[in-house]
PDB file of N, CA and C in Angstrom:
ATOM      1  N   MET A   1      42.622  56.394   8.039  1.00  0.00           N
ATOM      2  CA  MET A   1      43.159  56.291   6.708  1.00  0.00           C
ATOM      3  C   MET A   1      43.459  57.670   6.120  1.00  0.00           C
ATOM      4  N   MET A   2      42.642  58.643   6.484  1.00  0.00           N
ATOM      5  CA  MET A   2      42.879  59.982   5.967  1.00  0.00           C
ATOM      6  C   MET A   2      44.198  60.540   6.503  1.00  0.00           C
ATOM      7  N   VAL A   3      44.499  60.277   7.749  1.00  0.00           N
ATOM      8  CA  VAL A   3      45.756  60.742   8.337  1.00  0.00           C
ATOM      9  C   VAL A   3      46.937  60.081   7.622  1.00  0.00           C
ATOM     10  N   ALA A   4      46.814  58.792   7.324  1.00  0.00           N
ATOM     11  CA  ALA A   4      47.885  58.100   6.595  1.00  0.00           C
ATOM     12  C   ALA A   4      48.057  58.693   5.203  1.00  0.00           C
ATOM     13  N   GLY A   5      46.966  59.060   4.554  1.00  0.00           N
ATOM     14  CA  GLY A   5      47.047  59.698   3.241  1.00  0.00           C
ATOM     15  C   GLY A   5      47.743  61.048   3.292  1.00  0.00           C
ATOM     16  N   VAL A   6      47.450  61.811   4.327  1.00  0.00           N
ATOM     17  CA  VAL A   6      48.112  63.116   4.485  1.00  0.00           C
ATOM     18  C   VAL A   6      49.596  62.919   4.780  1.00  0.00           C
ATOM     19  N   LEU A   7      49.925  61.893   5.553  1.00  0.00           N
ATOM     20  CA  LEU A   7      51.321  61.629   5.870  1.00  0.00           C
ATOM     21  C   LEU A   7      52.108  61.124   4.660  1.00  0.00           C
ATOM     22  N   LEU A   8      51.423  60.558   3.678  1.00  0.00           N
ATOM     23  CA  LEU A   8      52.078  60.119   2.445  1.00  0.00           C
ATOM     24  C   LEU A   8      52.162  61.217   1.390  1.00  0.00           C
ATOM     25  N   LEU A   9      51.526  62.337   1.628  1.00  0.00           N
ATOM     26  CA  LEU A   9      51.473  63.420   0.648  1.00  0.00           C
ATOM     27  C   LEU A   9      52.849  63.945   0.230  1.00  0.00           C
ATOM     28  N   PRO A  10      53.794  64.211   1.136  1.00  0.00           N
ATOM     29  CA  PRO A  10      55.114  64.670   0.670  1.00  0.00           C
ATOM     30  C   PRO A  10      55.822  63.666  -0.226  1.00  0.00           C
ATOM     31  N   LEU A  11      55.651  62.384   0.052  1.00  0.00           N
ATOM     32  CA  LEU A  11      56.250  61.359  -0.797  1.00  0.00           C
ATOM     33  C   LEU A  11      55.591  61.367  -2.180  1.00  0.00           C
ATOM     34  N   ALA A  12      54.277  61.510  -2.222  1.00  0.00           N
ATOM     35  CA  ALA A  12      53.567  61.570  -3.497  1.00  0.00           C
ATOM     36  C   ALA A  12      53.940  62.828  -4.283  1.00  0.00           C
ATOM     37  N   LEU A  13      54.099  63.956  -3.593  1.00  0.00           N
ATOM     38  CA  LEU A  13      54.494  65.188  -4.269  1.00  0.00           C
ATOM     39  C   LEU A  13      55.908  65.082  -4.839  1.00  0.00           C
ATOM     40  N   SER A  14      56.781  64.399  -4.122  1.00  0.00           N
ATOM     41  CA  SER A  14      58.137  64.183  -4.636  1.00  0.00           C
ATOM     42  C   SER A  14      58.106  63.311  -5.885  1.00  0.00           C
ATOM     43  N   ALA A  15      57.288  62.274  -5.872  1.00  0.00           N
ATOM     44  CA  ALA A  15      57.150  61.409  -7.046  1.00  0.00           C
ATOM     45  C   ALA A  15      56.554  62.171  -8.217  1.00  0.00           C
ATOM     46  N   MET A  16      55.608  63.066  -7.934  1.00  0.00           N
ATOM     47  CA  MET A  16      55.000  63.855  -9.002  1.00  0.00           C
ATOM     48  C   MET A  16      56.014  64.810  -9.626  1.00  0.00           C
ATOM     49  N   ALA A  17      56.857  65.428  -8.802  1.00  0.00           N
ATOM     50  CA  ALA A  17      57.879  66.329  -9.337  1.00  0.00           C
ATOM     51  C   ALA A  17      58.903  65.554 -10.158  1.00  0.00           C
ATOM     52  N   LEU A  18      59.313  64.395  -9.685  1.00  0.00           N
ATOM     53  CA  LEU A  18      60.280  63.584 -10.427  1.00  0.00           C
ATOM     54  C   LEU A  18      59.697  63.034 -11.722  1.00  0.00           C
ATOM     55  N   SER A  19      58.404  62.745 -11.726  1.00  0.00           N
ATOM     56  CA  SER A  19      57.785  62.151 -12.915  1.00  0.00           C
ATOM     57  C   SER A  19      57.772  63.106 -14.096  1.00  0.00           C
ATOM     58  N   GLN A  20      57.935  64.383 -13.850  1.00  0.00           N
ATOM     59  CA  GLN A  20      57.956  65.347 -14.937  1.00  0.00           C
ATOM     60  C   GLN A  20      59.322  65.438 -15.597  1.00  0.00           C
ATOM     61  N   LYS A  21      60.344  64.830 -14.992  1.00  0.00           N
ATOM     62  CA  LYS A  21      61.692  64.872 -15.557  1.00  0.00           C
ATOM     63  C   LYS A  21      62.234  63.502 -15.941  1.00  0.00           C
ATOM     64  N   VAL A  22      61.790  62.442 -15.282  1.00  0.00           N
ATOM     65  CA  VAL A  22      62.297  61.099 -15.574  1.00  0.00           C
ATOM     66  C   VAL A  22      61.121  60.178 -15.894  1.00  0.00           C
ATOM     67  N   ASN A  23      61.432  59.069 -16.545  1.00  0.00           N
ATOM     68  CA  ASN A  23      60.369  58.134 -16.936  1.00  0.00           C
ATOM     69  C   ASN A  23      59.927  57.215 -15.811  1.00  0.00           C
ATOM     70  N   SER A  24      60.793  56.933 -14.873  1.00  0.00           N
ATOM     71  CA  SER A  24      60.443  56.020 -13.777  1.00  0.00           C
ATOM     72  C   SER A  24      60.793  56.661 -12.441  1.00  0.00           C
ATOM     73  N   PRO A  25      59.915  57.527 -11.926  1.00  0.00           N
ATOM     74  CA  PRO A  25      60.242  58.258 -10.698  1.00  0.00           C
ATOM     75  C   PRO A  25      60.352  57.377  -9.461  1.00  0.00           C
ATOM     76  N   LEU A  26      59.561  56.324  -9.378  1.00  0.00           N
ATOM     77  CA  LEU A  26      59.632  55.469  -8.194  1.00  0.00           C
ATOM     78  C   LEU A  26      60.954  54.721  -8.128  1.00  0.00           C
ATOM     79  N   LEU A  27      61.471  54.299  -9.279  1.00  0.00           N
ATOM     80  CA  LEU A  27      62.769  53.630  -9.301  1.00  0.00           C
ATOM     81  C   LEU A  27      63.881  54.604  -8.913  1.00  0.00           C
ATOM     82  N   VAL A  28      63.807  55.829  -9.410  1.00  0.00           N
ATOM     83  CA  VAL A  28      64.795  56.851  -9.062  1.00  0.00           C
ATOM     84  C   VAL A  28      64.736  57.150  -7.563  1.00  0.00           C
ATOM     85  N   MET A  29      63.531  57.255  -7.019  1.00  0.00           N
ATOM     86  CA  MET A  29      63.384  57.510  -5.588  1.00  0.00           C
ATOM     87  C   MET A  29      63.904  56.352  -4.761  1.00  0.00           C
ATOM     88  N   LEU A  30      63.645  55.131  -5.196  1.00  0.00           N
ATOM     89  CA  LEU A  30      64.120  53.959  -4.465  1.00  0.00           C
ATOM     90  C   LEU A  30      65.647  53.927  -4.425  1.00  0.00           C
ATOM     91  N   ILE A  31      66.282  54.161  -5.558  1.00  0.00           N
ATOM     92  CA  ILE A  31      67.746  54.162  -5.609  1.00  0.00           C
ATOM     93  C   ILE A  31      68.314  55.319  -4.797  1.00  0.00           C
ATOM     94  N   ALA A  32      67.709  56.508  -4.899  1.00  0.00           N
ATOM     95  CA  ALA A  32      68.205  57.675  -4.158  1.00  0.00           C
ATOM     96  C   ALA A  32      68.067  57.477  -2.653  1.00  0.00           C
ATOM     97  N   ILE A  33      66.947  56.958  -2.217  1.00  0.00           N
ATOM     98  CA  ILE A  33      66.741  56.742  -0.783  1.00  0.00           C
ATOM     99  C   ILE A  33      67.702  55.668  -0.270  1.00  0.00           C
ATOM    100  N   TYR A  34      67.893  54.621  -1.049  1.00  0.00           N
ATOM    101  CA  TYR A  34      68.833  53.576  -0.646  1.00  0.00           C
ATOM    102  C   TYR A  34      70.243  54.147  -0.518  1.00  0.00           C
ATOM    103  N   ALA A  35      70.647  54.954  -1.496  1.00  0.00           N
ATOM    104  CA  ALA A  35      71.983  55.560  -1.443  1.00  0.00           C
ATOM    105  C   ALA A  35      72.099  56.543  -0.275  1.00  0.00           C
ATOM    106  N   LEU A  36      71.068  57.347  -0.062  1.00  0.00           N
ATOM    107  CA  LEU A  36      71.106  58.314   1.042  1.00  0.00           C
ATOM    108  C   LEU A  36      71.114  57.631   2.407  1.00  0.00           C
ATOM    109  N   ARG A  37      70.524  56.461   2.491  1.00  0.00           N
ATOM    110  CA  ARG A  37      70.512  55.746   3.769  1.00  0.00           C
ATOM    111  C   ARG A  37      71.857  55.116   4.082  1.00  0.00           C
ATOM    112  N   TRP A  38      72.526  54.548   3.077  1.00  0.00           N
ATOM    113  CA  TRP A  38      73.702  53.741   3.349  1.00  0.00           C
ATOM    114  C   TRP A  38      75.030  54.437   3.136  1.00  0.00           C
ATOM    115  N   MET A  39      75.079  55.464   2.313  1.00  0.00           N
ATOM    116  CA  MET A  39      76.358  56.140   2.075  1.00  0.00           C
ATOM    117  C   MET A  39      76.906  56.828   3.329  1.00  0.00           C
ATOM    118  N   PRO A  40      76.116  57.587   4.099  1.00  0.00           N
ATOM    119  CA  PRO A  40      76.674  58.192   5.319  1.00  0.00           C
ATOM    120  C   PRO A  40      77.128  57.158   6.350  1.00  0.00           C
ATOM    121  N   ILE A  41      76.442  56.024   6.385  1.00  0.00           N
ATOM    122  CA  ILE A  41      76.835  54.971   7.323  1.00  0.00           C
ATOM    123  C   ILE A  41      78.180  54.383   6.895  1.00  0.00           C
ATOM    124  N   ALA A  42      78.321  54.115   5.599  1.00  0.00           N
ATOM    125  CA  ALA A  42      79.554  53.503   5.107  1.00  0.00           C
ATOM    126  C   ALA A  42      80.736  54.467   5.171  1.00  0.00           C
ATOM    127  N   MET A  43      80.482  55.748   4.884  1.00  0.00           N
ATOM    128  CA  MET A  43      81.586  56.700   4.817  1.00  0.00           C
ATOM    129  C   MET A  43      81.958  57.285   6.176  1.00  0.00           C
ATOM    130  N   PHE A  44      80.954  57.622   6.980  1.00  0.00           N
ATOM    131  CA  PHE A  44      81.223  58.363   8.209  1.00  0.00           C
ATOM    132  C   PHE A  44      80.755  57.657   9.475  1.00  0.00           C
ATOM    133  N   GLY A  45      80.015  56.565   9.335  1.00  0.00           N
ATOM    134  CA  GLY A  45      79.453  55.913  10.506  1.00  0.00           C
ATOM    135  C   GLY A  45      78.306  56.717  11.108  1.00  0.00           C
ATOM    136  N   PHE A  46      77.637  57.554  10.306  1.00  0.00           N
ATOM    137  CA  PHE A  46      76.557  58.428  10.763  1.00  0.00           C
ATOM    138  C   PHE A  46      75.213  57.780  10.440  1.00  0.00           C
ATOM    139  N   TYR A  47      74.396  57.539  11.460  1.00  0.00           N
ATOM    140  CA  TYR A  47      73.121  56.852  11.291  1.00  0.00           C
ATOM    141  C   TYR A  47      71.930  57.809  11.297  1.00  0.00           C
ATOM    142  N   GLY A  48      72.149  59.110  11.294  1.00  0.00           N
ATOM    143  CA  GLY A  48      71.063  60.078  11.393  1.00  0.00           C
ATOM    144  C   GLY A  48      70.115  60.056  10.208  1.00  0.00           C
ATOM    145  N   ILE A  49      70.641  59.977   9.003  1.00  0.00           N
ATOM    146  CA  ILE A  49      69.788  59.981   7.806  1.00  0.00           C
ATOM    147  C   ILE A  49      69.004  58.674   7.722  1.00  0.00           C
ATOM    148  N   ASP A  50      69.638  57.576   8.079  1.00  0.00           N
ATOM    149  CA  ASP A  50      68.951  56.291   8.106  1.00  0.00           C
ATOM    150  C   ASP A  50      67.808  56.321   9.115  1.00  0.00           C
ATOM    151  N   GLN A  51      68.036  56.904  10.266  1.00  0.00           N
ATOM    152  CA  GLN A  51      66.992  57.015  11.282  1.00  0.00           C
ATOM    153  C   GLN A  51      65.862  57.919  10.807  1.00  0.00           C
ATOM    154  N   PHE A  52      66.201  58.989  10.092  1.00  0.00           N
ATOM    155  CA  PHE A  52      65.178  59.885   9.538  1.00  0.00           C
ATOM    156  C   PHE A  52      64.254  59.127   8.588  1.00  0.00           C
ATOM    157  N   PHE A  53      64.833  58.398   7.635  1.00  0.00           N
ATOM    158  CA  PHE A  53      64.009  57.660   6.679  1.00  0.00           C
ATOM    159  C   PHE A  53      63.207  56.560   7.367  1.00  0.00           C
ATOM    160  N   SER A  54      63.781  55.907   8.342  1.00  0.00           N
ATOM    161  CA  SER A  54      63.043  54.873   9.076  1.00  0.00           C
ATOM    162  C   SER A  54      61.844  55.474   9.795  1.00  0.00           C
ATOM    163  N   ASP A  55      62.038  56.598  10.452  1.00  0.00           N
ATOM    164  CA  ASP A  55      60.934  57.249  11.168  1.00  0.00           C
ATOM    165  C   ASP A  55      59.851  57.736  10.208  1.00  0.00           C
ATOM    166  N   ILE A  56      60.257  58.320   9.103  1.00  0.00           N
ATOM    167  CA  ILE A  56      59.294  58.887   8.159  1.00  0.00           C
ATOM    168  C   ILE A  56      58.493  57.794   7.455  1.00  0.00           C
ATOM    169  N   PHE A  57      59.150  56.706   7.065  1.00  0.00           N
ATOM    170  CA  PHE A  57      58.427  55.649   6.361  1.00  0.00           C
ATOM    171  C   PHE A  57      57.534  54.848   7.293  1.00  0.00           C
ATOM    172  N   TYR A  58      57.779  54.930   8.597  1.00  0.00           N
ATOM    173  CA  TYR A  58      56.936  54.243   9.568  1.00  0.00           C
ATOM    174  C   TYR A  58      55.695  55.072   9.924  1.00  0.00           C
ATOM    175  N   LEU A  59      55.700  56.357   9.601  1.00  0.00           N
ATOM    176  CA  LEU A  59      54.579  57.240   9.957  1.00  0.00           C
ATOM    177  C   LEU A  59      53.215  56.734   9.470  1.00  0.00           C
ATOM    178  N   PRO A  60      53.007  56.473   8.175  1.00  0.00           N
ATOM    179  CA  PRO A  60      51.671  56.048   7.733  1.00  0.00           C
ATOM    180  C   PRO A  60      51.239  54.716   8.336  1.00  0.00           C
ATOM    181  N   LEU A  61      52.169  53.778   8.466  1.00  0.00           N
ATOM    182  CA  LEU A  61      51.831  52.489   9.055  1.00  0.00           C
ATOM    183  C   LEU A  61      51.409  52.653  10.515  1.00  0.00           C
ATOM    184  N   HIS A  62      52.135  53.479  11.245  1.00  0.00           N
ATOM    185  CA  HIS A  62      51.785  53.725  12.648  1.00  0.00           C
ATOM    186  C   HIS A  62      50.440  54.429  12.747  1.00  0.00           C
ATOM    187  N   ALA A  63      50.166  55.336  11.814  1.00  0.00           N
ATOM    188  CA  ALA A  63      48.889  56.051  11.843  1.00  0.00           C
ATOM    189  C   ALA A  63      47.719  55.101  11.586  1.00  0.00           C
ATOM    190  N   ILE A  64      47.932  54.076  10.790  1.00  0.00           N
ATOM    191  CA  ILE A  64      46.865  53.119  10.508  1.00  0.00           C
ATOM    192  C   ILE A  64      46.689  52.137  11.666  1.00  0.00           C
ATOM    193  N   LEU A  65      47.786  51.665  12.239  1.00  0.00           N
ATOM    194  CA  LEU A  65      47.715  50.602  13.241  1.00  0.00           C
ATOM    195  C   LEU A  65      47.493  51.085  14.672  1.00  0.00           C
ATOM    196  N   ALA A  66      47.838  52.321  14.972  1.00  0.00           N
ATOM    197  CA  ALA A  66      47.739  52.812  16.348  1.00  0.00           C
ATOM    198  C   ALA A  66      46.297  53.124  16.726  1.00  0.00           C
ATOM    199  N   ALA A  67      46.036  53.099  18.019  1.00  0.00           N
ATOM    200  CA  ALA A  67      44.703  53.457  18.508  1.00  0.00           C
ATOM    201  C   ALA A  67      44.414  54.930  18.237  1.00  0.00           C
ATOM    202  N   ASN A  68      45.434  55.764  18.394  1.00  0.00           N
ATOM    203  CA  ASN A  68      45.310  57.184  18.077  1.00  0.00           C
ATOM    204  C   ASN A  68      46.248  57.482  16.898  1.00  0.00           C
ATOM    205  N   PRO A  69      45.693  57.758  15.701  1.00  0.00           N
ATOM    206  CA  PRO A  69      46.555  57.953  14.534  1.00  0.00           C
ATOM    207  C   PRO A  69      47.485  59.153  14.655  1.00  0.00           C
ATOM    208  N   PHE A  70      47.114  60.126  15.459  1.00  0.00           N
ATOM    209  CA  PHE A  70      47.949  61.326  15.589  1.00  0.00           C
ATOM    210  C   PHE A  70      49.152  61.100  16.508  1.00  0.00           C
ATOM    211  N   SER A  71      49.216  59.950  17.183  1.00  0.00           N
ATOM    212  CA  SER A  71      50.372  59.663  18.025  1.00  0.00           C
ATOM    213  C   SER A  71      51.600  59.301  17.198  1.00  0.00           C
ATOM    214  N   ALA A  72      51.425  59.101  15.894  1.00  0.00           N
ATOM    215  CA  ALA A  72      52.560  58.761  15.023  1.00  0.00           C
ATOM    216  C   ALA A  72      53.505  59.947  14.862  1.00  0.00           C
ATOM    217  N   ILE A  73      52.959  61.149  14.868  1.00  0.00           N
ATOM    218  CA  ILE A  73      53.787  62.339  14.621  1.00  0.00           C
ATOM    219  C   ILE A  73      54.761  62.597  15.769  1.00  0.00           C
ATOM    220  N   PRO A  74      54.328  62.639  17.028  1.00  0.00           N
ATOM    221  CA  PRO A  74      55.319  62.826  18.094  1.00  0.00           C
ATOM    222  C   PRO A  74      56.296  61.666  18.224  1.00  0.00           C
ATOM    223  N   GLN A  75      55.841  60.458  17.886  1.00  0.00           N
ATOM    224  CA  GLN A  75      56.739  59.312  17.988  1.00  0.00           C
ATOM    225  C   GLN A  75      57.858  59.401  16.949  1.00  0.00           C
ATOM    226  N   ALA A  76      57.575  59.934  15.765  1.00  0.00           N
ATOM    227  CA  ALA A  76      58.608  60.093  14.733  1.00  0.00           C
ATOM    228  C   ALA A  76      59.516  61.272  15.045  1.00  0.00           C
ATOM    229  N   GLY A  77      59.037  62.192  15.830  1.00  0.00           N
ATOM    230  CA  GLY A  77      59.827  63.366  16.176  1.00  0.00           C
ATOM    231  C   GLY A  77      59.388  64.567  15.353  1.00  0.00           C
ATOM    232  N   TRP A  78      59.190  65.660  16.048  1.00  0.00           N
ATOM    233  CA  TRP A  78      58.703  66.866  15.368  1.00  0.00           C
ATOM    234  C   TRP A  78      59.722  67.404  14.376  1.00  0.00           C
ATOM    235  N   PHE A  79      60.997  67.261  14.682  1.00  0.00           N
ATOM    236  CA  PHE A  79      62.037  67.737  13.774  1.00  0.00           C
ATOM    237  C   PHE A  79      62.017  66.931  12.472  1.00  0.00           C
ATOM    238  N   ASN A  80      61.881  65.615  12.576  1.00  0.00           N
ATOM    239  CA  ASN A  80      61.810  64.772  11.382  1.00  0.00           C
ATOM    240  C   ASN A  80      60.568  65.078  10.552  1.00  0.00           C
ATOM    241  N   VAL A  81      59.450  65.264  11.225  1.00  0.00           N
ATOM    242  CA  VAL A  81      58.210  65.580  10.513  1.00  0.00           C
ATOM    243  C   VAL A  81      58.309  66.963   9.862  1.00  0.00           C
ATOM    244  N   GLY A  82      58.964  67.900  10.527  1.00  0.00           N
ATOM    245  CA  GLY A  82      59.157  69.222   9.938  1.00  0.00           C
ATOM    246  C   GLY A  82      60.016  69.173   8.684  1.00  0.00           C
ATOM    247  N   ILE A  83      61.091  68.388   8.728  1.00  0.00           N
ATOM    248  CA  ILE A  83      61.931  68.245   7.533  1.00  0.00           C
ATOM    249  C   ILE A  83      61.151  67.548   6.424  1.00  0.00           C
ATOM    250  N   TYR A  84      60.390  66.536   6.770  1.00  0.00           N
ATOM    251  CA  TYR A  84      59.563  65.812   5.798  1.00  0.00           C
ATOM    252  C   TYR A  84      58.536  66.745   5.164  1.00  0.00           C
ATOM    253  N   THR A  85      57.932  67.612   5.965  1.00  0.00           N
ATOM    254  CA  THR A  85      56.982  68.586   5.442  1.00  0.00           C
ATOM    255  C   THR A  85      57.671  69.585   4.526  1.00  0.00           C
ATOM    256  N   LEU A  86      58.844  70.031   4.915  1.00  0.00           N
ATOM    257  CA  LEU A  86      59.613  70.952   4.080  1.00  0.00           C
ATOM    258  C   LEU A  86      59.977  70.309   2.744  1.00  0.00           C
ATOM    259  N   ILE A  87      60.342  69.041   2.753  1.00  0.00           N
ATOM    260  CA  ILE A  87      60.622  68.323   1.504  1.00  0.00           C
ATOM    261  C   ILE A  87      59.373  68.267   0.639  1.00  0.00           C
ATOM    262  N   GLY A  88      58.221  68.035   1.250  1.00  0.00           N
ATOM    263  CA  GLY A  88      56.963  68.012   0.506  1.00  0.00           C
ATOM    264  C   GLY A  88      56.614  69.355  -0.106  1.00  0.00           C
ATOM    265  N   ILE A  89      56.829  70.434   0.636  1.00  0.00           N
ATOM    266  CA  ILE A  89      56.546  71.773   0.111  1.00  0.00           C
ATOM    267  C   ILE A  89      57.487  72.108  -1.035  1.00  0.00           C
ATOM    268  N   MET A  90      58.764  71.766  -0.882  1.00  0.00           N
ATOM    269  CA  MET A  90      59.714  72.013  -1.969  1.00  0.00           C
ATOM    270  C   MET A  90      59.362  71.182  -3.205  1.00  0.00           C
ATOM    271  N   ALA A  91      58.911  69.942  -3.004  1.00  0.00           N
ATOM    272  CA  ALA A  91      58.507  69.103  -4.133  1.00  0.00           C
ATOM    273  C   ALA A  91      57.279  69.672  -4.818  1.00  0.00           C
ATOM    274  N   TRP A  92      56.357  70.228  -4.043  1.00  0.00           N
ATOM    275  CA  TRP A  92      55.156  70.834  -4.618  1.00  0.00           C
ATOM    276  C   TRP A  92      55.525  72.032  -5.487  1.00  0.00           C
ATOM    277  N   PHE A  93      56.367  72.921  -4.977  1.00  0.00           N
ATOM    278  CA  PHE A  93      56.786  74.082  -5.762  1.00  0.00           C
ATOM    279  C   PHE A  93      57.599  73.663  -6.984  1.00  0.00           C
ATOM    280  N   THR A  94      58.424  72.645  -6.835  1.00  0.00           N
ATOM    281  CA  THR A  94      59.198  72.143  -7.970  1.00  0.00           C
ATOM    282  C   THR A  94      58.284  71.560  -9.031  1.00  0.00           C
ATOM    283  N   SER A  95      57.283  70.830  -8.615  1.00  0.00           N
ATOM    284  CA  SER A  95      56.329  70.261  -9.559  1.00  0.00           C
ATOM    285  C   SER A  95      55.569  71.345 -10.306  1.00  0.00           C
ATOM    286  N   ILE A  96      55.172  72.383  -9.584  1.00  0.00           N
ATOM    287  CA  ILE A  96      54.488  73.507 -10.237  1.00  0.00           C
ATOM    288  C   ILE A  96      55.403  74.185 -11.242  1.00  0.00           C
ATOM    289  N   LYS A  97      56.649  74.362 -10.868  1.00  0.00           N
ATOM    290  CA  LYS A  97      57.616  74.989 -11.770  1.00  0.00           C
ATOM    291  C   LYS A  97      57.827  74.143 -13.023  1.00  0.00           C
ATOM    292  N   PHE A  98      57.996  72.835 -12.839  1.00  0.00           N
ATOM    293  CA  PHE A  98      58.208  71.955 -13.979  1.00  0.00           C
ATOM    294  C   PHE A  98      56.969  71.875 -14.880  1.00  0.00           C
ATOM    295  N   SER A  99      55.785  71.916 -14.291  1.00  0.00           N
ATOM    296  CA  SER A  99      54.565  71.803 -15.103  1.00  0.00           C
ATOM    297  C   SER A  99      54.353  73.052 -15.951  1.00  0.00           C
ATOM    298  N   ARG A 100      54.855  74.176 -15.519  1.00  0.00           N
ATOM    299  CA  ARG A 100      54.718  75.413 -16.309  1.00  0.00           C
ATOM    300  C   ARG A 100      55.686  75.444 -17.479  1.00  0.00           C
ATOM    301  N   THR A 101      56.786  74.682 -17.374  1.00  0.00           N
ATOM    302  CA  THR A 101      57.773  74.702 -18.451  1.00  0.00           C
ATOM    303  C   THR A 101      57.491  73.651 -19.510  1.00  0.00           C
ATOM    304  N   VAL A 102      56.577  72.695 -19.216  1.00  0.00           N
ATOM    305  CA  VAL A 102      56.252  71.658 -20.193  1.00  0.00           C
ATOM    306  C   VAL A 102      55.209  72.218 -21.134  1.00  0.00           C
ATOM    307  N   SER A 103      55.481  72.101 -22.430  1.00  0.00           N
ATOM    308  CA  SER A 103      54.509  72.623 -23.416  1.00  0.00           C
ATOM    309  C   SER A 103      53.954  71.496 -24.258  1.00  0.00           C
TER     310      SER A 103
END
């Protein structure tokens, strides 16, 4: 369960950064992810972003259900996990920046 919590951390950090600017961050994230998944497919026939989100959202579930929770990371792909981690770090810095500007 701890591994699944760590794997959900970038998503939680993104929600925390969005919550400082909008009233409903989960709804904004849901709409943005839906648009990011389907727009490249509809416009260009490119399934890479859809595959990225599918792999990333499957990470915590795989970590909970698998015999070895750490096998979820190589199965999702190191490149996808690296981008996901980078998104989490950027969300963390953005959240810190936004929290300093709120008075």
